[in-house]
């Protein structure tokens, strides 16, 4: 039995399928109950704020309740050329392949010993993977995924237990 919870609960490992071109913003728009954990990162999730429990209507000077879950988030990637789309999709696929291999290696090695991580077939593949990590780091901010807290101070503590 695994010591980790099923994603997306606390202390869980995101599956490889979690990573796509929509990024964390797209996932949060599809799973709005988790937006509350990212309110302290306005540079990542603009539009979410812990301070805005109510918003002031400037025309009537009345308070309007603010629900973080209802705040739509603008995706990081809006338009791109066909070549960019192909390149980014290729990078995401490579990242997911390596991530899935490393995640499975880590989980299987827990009761035994150290994991054996993905071995790149060439320097070119390693270079392409490093580029994919750069893209994924822009789409998925790992620090907020691990340490972001909601208004009650509870953290998700999502885990990426191997080096990227």
Protein backbone atom coordinates (compact mmCIF):
# COMPACT_ATOMS: atom_id res chain seq x y z
CA UNK A 1 0.00 0.00 0.00
CA UNK A 2 1.33 3.41 -0.94
CA UNK A 3 2.06 6.07 1.66
CA UNK A 4 0.75 8.73 -0.76
CA UNK A 5 -2.85 9.81 -1.20
CA UNK A 6 -4.70 9.70 -4.47
CA UNK A 7 -4.23 12.91 -6.43
CA UNK A 8 -5.29 15.70 -5.88
CA UNK A 9 -5.53 15.22 -2.14
CA UNK A 10 -2.90 16.32 0.37
CA UNK A 11 0.55 14.67 0.09
CA UNK A 12 -0.18 13.19 -3.32
CA UNK A 13 1.91 12.94 -6.46
CA UNK A 14 0.35 14.48 -9.57
CA UNK A 15 0.03 11.84 -12.32
CA UNK A 16 1.72 12.38 -15.69
CA UNK A 17 -1.69 13.10 -17.25
CA UNK A 18 -1.95 16.20 -15.03
CA UNK A 19 0.68 17.95 -17.15
CA UNK A 20 -0.63 19.43 -20.39
CA UNK A 21 -0.68 22.66 -22.41
CA UNK A 22 -3.47 24.15 -20.26
CA UNK A 23 -1.13 24.31 -17.30
CA UNK A 24 -2.13 24.70 -13.69
CA UNK A 25 -4.45 27.60 -14.59
CA UNK A 26 -6.48 25.35 -16.91
CA UNK A 27 -6.63 22.65 -14.24
CA UNK A 28 -7.78 25.16 -11.61
CA UNK A 29 -10.52 26.45 -13.92
CA UNK A 30 -11.73 22.85 -14.29
CA UNK A 31 -11.33 22.13 -10.54
CA UNK A 32 -12.28 25.45 -8.90
CA UNK A 33 -12.36 24.11 -5.33
CA UNK A 34 -8.54 24.06 -5.42
CA UNK A 35 -8.19 27.75 -6.34
CA UNK A 36 -8.25 28.62 -2.64
CA UNK A 37 -4.76 27.09 -2.24
CA UNK A 38 -3.22 29.56 -4.68
CA UNK A 39 -4.61 32.84 -3.34
CA UNK A 40 -1.23 33.85 -1.92
CA UNK A 41 0.44 33.69 -5.35
CA UNK A 42 -1.08 36.60 -7.33
CA UNK A 43 1.77 36.55 -9.86
CA UNK A 44 0.77 32.99 -10.79
CA UNK A 45 -2.98 33.27 -10.41
CA UNK A 46 -3.89 36.92 -11.07
CA UNK A 47 -7.45 37.60 -10.02
CA UNK A 48 -7.27 35.53 -6.84
CA UNK A 49 -6.64 37.42 -3.65
CA UNK A 50 -6.91 36.49 0.02
CA UNK A 51 -7.81 40.08 0.85
CA UNK A 52 -10.91 40.26 -1.32
CA UNK A 53 -13.47 38.54 0.89
CA UNK A 54 -15.79 41.24 -0.42
CA UNK A 55 -15.54 43.55 -3.38
CA UNK A 56 -16.80 47.12 -3.33
CA UNK A 57 -19.21 48.11 -6.08
CA UNK A 58 -18.08 51.62 -7.04
CA UNK A 59 -21.46 52.76 -8.34
CA UNK A 60 -23.53 51.76 -5.30
CA UNK A 61 -20.79 51.67 -2.63
CA UNK A 62 -22.06 48.28 -1.50
CA UNK A 63 -20.14 45.11 -0.80
CA UNK A 64 -20.42 42.15 -3.13
CA UNK A 65 -19.37 38.75 -1.75
CA UNK A 66 -16.23 37.42 -3.42
CA UNK A 67 -15.97 33.70 -4.04
CA UNK A 68 -12.50 32.57 -5.08
CA UNK A 69 -13.95 29.51 -6.82
CA UNK A 70 -15.96 31.70 -9.20
CA UNK A 71 -12.99 33.83 -10.29
CA UNK A 72 -12.04 32.80 -13.85
CA UNK A 73 -8.31 32.55 -14.44
CA UNK A 74 -6.75 33.60 -17.74
CA UNK A 75 -4.55 30.87 -19.30
CA UNK A 76 -0.85 31.61 -19.69
CA UNK A 77 -0.83 30.46 -23.32
CA UNK A 78 -3.55 32.04 -25.44
CA UNK A 79 -2.35 32.04 -29.04
CA UNK A 80 0.57 30.46 -30.82
CA UNK A 81 1.61 29.40 -34.27
CA UNK A 82 1.16 25.86 -35.54
CA UNK A 83 4.92 25.26 -35.23
CA UNK A 84 4.94 26.47 -31.63
CA UNK A 85 1.99 24.22 -30.83
CA UNK A 86 3.77 21.22 -32.34
CA UNK A 87 6.99 22.03 -30.46
CA UNK A 88 5.23 22.53 -27.12
CA UNK A 89 3.16 19.37 -27.55
CA UNK A 90 6.33 17.42 -28.30
CA UNK A 91 8.00 18.87 -25.19
CA UNK A 92 5.00 18.07 -22.99
CA UNK A 93 4.91 14.48 -24.31
CA UNK A 94 8.62 14.01 -23.56
CA UNK A 95 8.21 15.51 -20.10
CA UNK A 96 5.25 13.24 -19.36
CA UNK A 97 7.15 10.14 -20.51
CA UNK A 98 10.16 10.90 -18.28
CA UNK A 99 7.95 12.06 -15.39
CA UNK A 100 5.83 8.88 -15.51
CA UNK A 101 8.92 6.67 -15.59
CA UNK A 102 10.55 8.52 -12.68
CA UNK A 103 7.34 8.64 -10.66
CA UNK A 104 6.81 4.90 -11.05
CA UNK A 105 10.47 4.21 -10.25
CA UNK A 106 10.21 6.28 -7.09
CA UNK A 107 6.99 4.67 -5.86
CA UNK A 108 8.22 1.13 -6.57
CA UNK A 109 11.54 1.76 -4.82
CA UNK A 110 10.02 2.95 -1.52
CA UNK A 111 10.12 -0.36 0.36
CA UNK A 112 13.34 -1.56 -1.32
CA UNK A 113 15.96 1.10 -1.90
CA UNK A 114 16.93 3.86 -4.22
CA UNK A 115 15.03 4.35 -7.48
CA UNK A 116 16.54 3.95 -10.93
CA UNK A 117 15.46 7.01 -12.88
CA UNK A 118 15.00 7.50 -16.61
CA UNK A 119 18.13 7.15 -18.74
CA UNK A 120 18.27 9.40 -21.77
CA UNK A 121 19.16 7.68 -25.04
CA UNK A 122 21.18 10.64 -26.29
CA UNK A 123 22.45 14.08 -25.42
CA UNK A 124 19.83 15.49 -27.80
CA UNK A 125 17.01 13.82 -25.84
CA UNK A 126 18.45 15.19 -22.58
CA UNK A 127 18.62 18.69 -24.08
CA UNK A 128 15.03 18.39 -25.32
CA UNK A 129 13.96 17.22 -21.86
CA UNK A 130 15.62 20.23 -20.21
CA UNK A 131 13.70 22.48 -22.61
CA UNK A 132 10.49 20.64 -21.69
CA UNK A 133 11.18 21.19 -17.98
CA UNK A 134 11.50 24.92 -18.70
CA UNK A 135 8.07 24.90 -20.37
CA UNK A 136 6.49 22.85 -17.58
CA UNK A 137 7.98 25.16 -14.94
CA UNK A 138 6.18 28.06 -16.61
CA UNK A 139 2.88 26.19 -16.84
CA UNK A 140 3.08 24.49 -13.42
CA UNK A 141 4.63 26.43 -10.53
CA UNK A 142 5.90 23.63 -8.30
CA UNK A 143 6.57 25.72 -5.19
CA UNK A 144 2.94 26.94 -4.89
CA UNK A 145 1.74 23.41 -5.66
CA UNK A 146 3.71 22.18 -2.66
CA UNK A 147 3.39 25.09 -0.24
CA UNK A 148 0.34 27.14 -1.25
CA UNK A 149 -2.17 27.45 1.58
CA UNK A 150 -5.85 28.26 1.75
CA UNK A 151 -7.36 30.89 4.06
CA UNK A 152 -7.26 28.40 6.96
CA UNK A 153 -3.52 27.76 6.54
CA UNK A 154 -3.98 24.23 5.16
CA UNK A 155 -1.50 23.26 2.43
CA UNK A 156 -1.92 20.80 -0.45
CA UNK A 157 1.67 19.56 -0.19
CA UNK A 158 1.61 18.03 -3.65
CA UNK A 159 4.83 16.11 -4.13
CA UNK A 160 7.25 15.72 -7.03
CA UNK A 161 9.62 13.33 -5.24
CA UNK A 162 12.38 13.18 -7.83
CA UNK A 163 14.62 15.67 -9.58
CA UNK A 164 13.24 17.35 -12.68
